[in-house]
Amino acid sequence: MSTILTAIAAAAPSPSPTVVPDVDVTPGVAGFVAIAVVAVVTILLVVDMTRRIRRTRYRAEIRQRLESDAGNATTDEPARRADEDGRTDVGDDTERG
């Protein structure tokens, strides 16, 4: 049985090498559009990811500042400091004498 298959395979003519035109091989306009869409989507994803990472980092920094400020403050009153003339700063813009 194998000899019959070998004889048939040997009898089948092999295709002769032909030159294929470049137009049939290139991706053309459809390939360019597909690659352009992939590039634009990739750029948009990178920009969105950068924004999200930056926003997360800022939130963590603010949370850390609030926690450290809450740990440093012993009372809920704003920090008061005595000026050279004896007045105290109450943390707002009104002057109290």
C-alpha atoms as a PDB file:
ATOM      1  CA  MET A   1       0.000   0.000   0.000  1.00  0.00           C
ATOM      2  CA  SER A   2       2.822   2.386   0.801  1.00  0.00           C
ATOM      3  CA  THR A   3       4.422   1.784  -2.559  1.00  0.00           C
ATOM      4  CA  ILE A   4       1.249   2.907  -4.299  1.00  0.00           C
ATOM      5  CA  LEU A   5       1.172   6.161  -2.293  1.00  0.00           C
ATOM      6  CA  THR A   6       4.844   6.759  -3.000  1.00  0.00           C
ATOM      7  CA  ALA A   7       4.282   6.213  -6.724  1.00  0.00           C
ATOM      8  CA  ILE A   8       1.323   8.628  -6.747  1.00  0.00           C
ATOM      9  CA  ALA A   9       3.294  11.282  -4.846  1.00  0.00           C
ATOM     10  CA  ALA A  10       6.230  10.893  -7.246  1.00  0.00           C
ATOM     11  CA  ALA A  11       3.957  11.121 -10.291  1.00  0.00           C
ATOM     12  CA  ALA A  12       2.285  14.356  -9.123  1.00  0.00           C
ATOM     13  CA  PRO A  13       4.013  17.287 -10.767  1.00  0.00           C
ATOM     14  CA  SER A  14       5.484  19.866  -8.430  1.00  0.00           C
ATOM     15  CA  PRO A  15       4.489  23.443  -9.095  1.00  0.00           C
ATOM     16  CA  SER A  16       7.090  25.477 -10.872  1.00  0.00           C
ATOM     17  CA  PRO A  17       8.339  28.550  -9.037  1.00  0.00           C
ATOM     18  CA  THR A  18       6.640  31.692 -10.220  1.00  0.00           C
ATOM     19  CA  VAL A  19       7.211  35.323  -9.379  1.00  0.00           C
ATOM     20  CA  VAL A  20       4.319  36.817  -7.425  1.00  0.00           C
ATOM     21  CA  PRO A  21       3.685  40.544  -8.001  1.00  0.00           C
ATOM     22  CA  ASP A  22       4.374  42.800  -5.017  1.00  0.00           C
ATOM     23  CA  VAL A  23       0.811  44.130  -5.094  1.00  0.00           C
ATOM     24  CA  ASP A  24      -0.524  40.703  -4.149  1.00  0.00           C
ATOM     25  CA  VAL A  25       1.838  40.421  -1.160  1.00  0.00           C
ATOM     26  CA  THR A  26       1.588  43.867   0.493  1.00  0.00           C
ATOM     27  CA  PRO A  27      -1.069  44.561   3.141  1.00  0.00           C
ATOM     28  CA  GLY A  28      -2.301  47.625   1.269  1.00  0.00           C
ATOM     29  CA  VAL A  29      -4.635  50.250   2.652  1.00  0.00           C
ATOM     30  CA  ALA A  30      -6.477  47.831   4.948  1.00  0.00           C
ATOM     31  CA  GLY A  31      -3.228  46.850   6.675  1.00  0.00           C
ATOM     32  CA  PHE A  32      -2.201  50.486   7.099  1.00  0.00           C
ATOM     33  CA  VAL A  33      -5.583  51.388   8.612  1.00  0.00           C
ATOM     34  CA  ALA A  34      -5.443  48.420  10.987  1.00  0.00           C
ATOM     35  CA  ILE A  35      -1.950  49.331  12.223  1.00  0.00           C
ATOM     36  CA  ALA A  36      -2.918  53.009  12.554  1.00  0.00           C
ATOM     37  CA  VAL A  37      -5.964  52.078  14.677  1.00  0.00           C
ATOM     38  CA  VAL A  38      -3.840  49.848  16.907  1.00  0.00           C
ATOM     39  CA  ALA A  39      -1.284  52.655  17.358  1.00  0.00           C
ATOM     40  CA  VAL A  40      -3.943  55.260  18.254  1.00  0.00           C
ATOM     41  CA  VAL A  41      -5.651  52.919  20.720  1.00  0.00           C
ATOM     42  CA  THR A  42      -2.291  52.111  22.333  1.00  0.00           C
ATOM     43  CA  ILE A  43      -1.462  55.800  22.760  1.00  0.00           C
ATOM     44  CA  LEU A  44      -4.876  56.496  24.305  1.00  0.00           C
ATOM     45  CA  LEU A  45      -4.476  53.585  26.717  1.00  0.00           C
ATOM     46  CA  VAL A  46      -1.028  54.770  27.805  1.00  0.00           C
ATOM     47  CA  VAL A  47      -2.344  58.301  28.441  1.00  0.00           C
ATOM     48  CA  ASP A  48      -5.292  56.951  30.445  1.00  0.00           C
ATOM     49  CA  MET A  49      -3.038  54.640  32.469  1.00  0.00           C
ATOM     50  CA  THR A  50      -0.668  57.520  33.242  1.00  0.00           C
ATOM     51  CA  ARG A  51      -3.555  59.662  34.498  1.00  0.00           C
ATOM     52  CA  ARG A  52      -4.881  56.875  36.698  1.00  0.00           C
ATOM     53  CA  ILE A  53      -1.464  56.141  38.205  1.00  0.00           C
ATOM     54  CA  ARG A  54      -0.847  59.850  38.879  1.00  0.00           C
ATOM     55  CA  ARG A  55      -4.295  60.250  40.448  1.00  0.00           C
ATOM     56  CA  THR A  56      -3.726  57.220  42.690  1.00  0.00           C
ATOM     57  CA  ARG A  57      -0.311  58.537  43.763  1.00  0.00           C
ATOM     58  CA  TYR A  58      -1.744  61.975  44.604  1.00  0.00           C
ATOM     59  CA  ARG A  59      -4.570  60.431  46.609  1.00  0.00           C
ATOM     60  CA  ALA A  60      -2.064  58.375  48.595  1.00  0.00           C
ATOM     61  CA  GLU A  61       0.066  61.466  49.283  1.00  0.00           C
ATOM     62  CA  ILE A  62      -2.959  63.461  50.449  1.00  0.00           C
ATOM     63  CA  ARG A  63      -4.148  60.583  52.637  1.00  0.00           C
ATOM     64  CA  GLN A  64      -0.675  60.331  54.174  1.00  0.00           C
ATOM     65  CA  ARG A  65      -0.580  64.094  54.860  1.00  0.00           C
ATOM     66  CA  LEU A  66      -4.012  64.017  56.467  1.00  0.00           C
ATOM     67  CA  GLU A  67      -3.046  61.074  58.643  1.00  0.00           C
ATOM     68  CA  SER A  68       0.198  62.718  59.704  1.00  0.00           C
ATOM     69  CA  ASP A  69      -1.592  66.018  60.411  1.00  0.00           C
ATOM     70  CA  ALA A  70      -4.215  64.176  62.441  1.00  0.00           C
ATOM     71  CA  GLY A  71      -1.465  62.421  64.398  1.00  0.00           C
ATOM     72  CA  ASN A  72       0.374  65.677  65.122  1.00  0.00           C
ATOM     73  CA  ALA A  73      -2.657  67.665  66.246  1.00  0.00           C
ATOM     74  CA  THR A  74      -3.602  67.022  69.858  1.00  0.00           C
ATOM     75  CA  THR A  75      -6.778  69.109  69.741  1.00  0.00           C
ATOM     76  CA  ASP A  76      -9.314  69.995  67.093  1.00  0.00           C
ATOM     77  CA  GLU A  77      -8.558  73.723  67.405  1.00  0.00           C
ATOM     78  CA  PRO A  78      -6.385  75.391  64.781  1.00  0.00           C
ATOM     79  CA  ALA A  79      -2.775  75.958  65.695  1.00  0.00           C
ATOM     80  CA  ARG A  80      -2.251  79.188  67.635  1.00  0.00           C
ATOM     81  CA  ARG A  81       0.977  81.094  67.801  1.00  0.00           C
ATOM     82  CA  ALA A  82       1.796  84.246  69.662  1.00  0.00           C
ATOM     83  CA  ASP A  83       3.108  87.117  67.584  1.00  0.00           C
ATOM     84  CA  GLU A  84       5.637  89.566  68.900  1.00  0.00           C
ATOM     85  CA  ASP A  85       2.890  92.012  69.848  1.00  0.00           C
ATOM     86  CA  GLY A  86       1.055  89.418  71.943  1.00  0.00           C
ATOM     87  CA  ARG A  87      -1.751  88.567  69.547  1.00  0.00           C
ATOM     88  CA  THR A  88      -2.460  84.980  68.663  1.00  0.00           C
ATOM     89  CA  ASP A  89      -3.034  83.657  65.178  1.00  0.00           C
ATOM     90  CA  VAL A  90      -6.269  81.691  65.055  1.00  0.00           C
ATOM     91  CA  GLY A  91      -5.812  80.424  61.545  1.00  0.00           C
ATOM     92  CA  ASP A  92      -8.343  82.652  59.785  1.00  0.00           C
ATOM     93  CA  ASP A  93      -8.244  86.100  58.233  1.00  0.00           C
ATOM     94  CA  THR A  94     -10.118  87.969  60.957  1.00  0.00           C
ATOM     95  CA  GLU A  95      -8.075  90.019  63.396  1.00  0.00           C
ATOM     96  CA  ARG A  96      -8.732  89.587  67.066  1.00  0.00           C
ATOM     97  CA  GLY A  97      -7.099  91.777  69.568  1.00  0.00           C
END
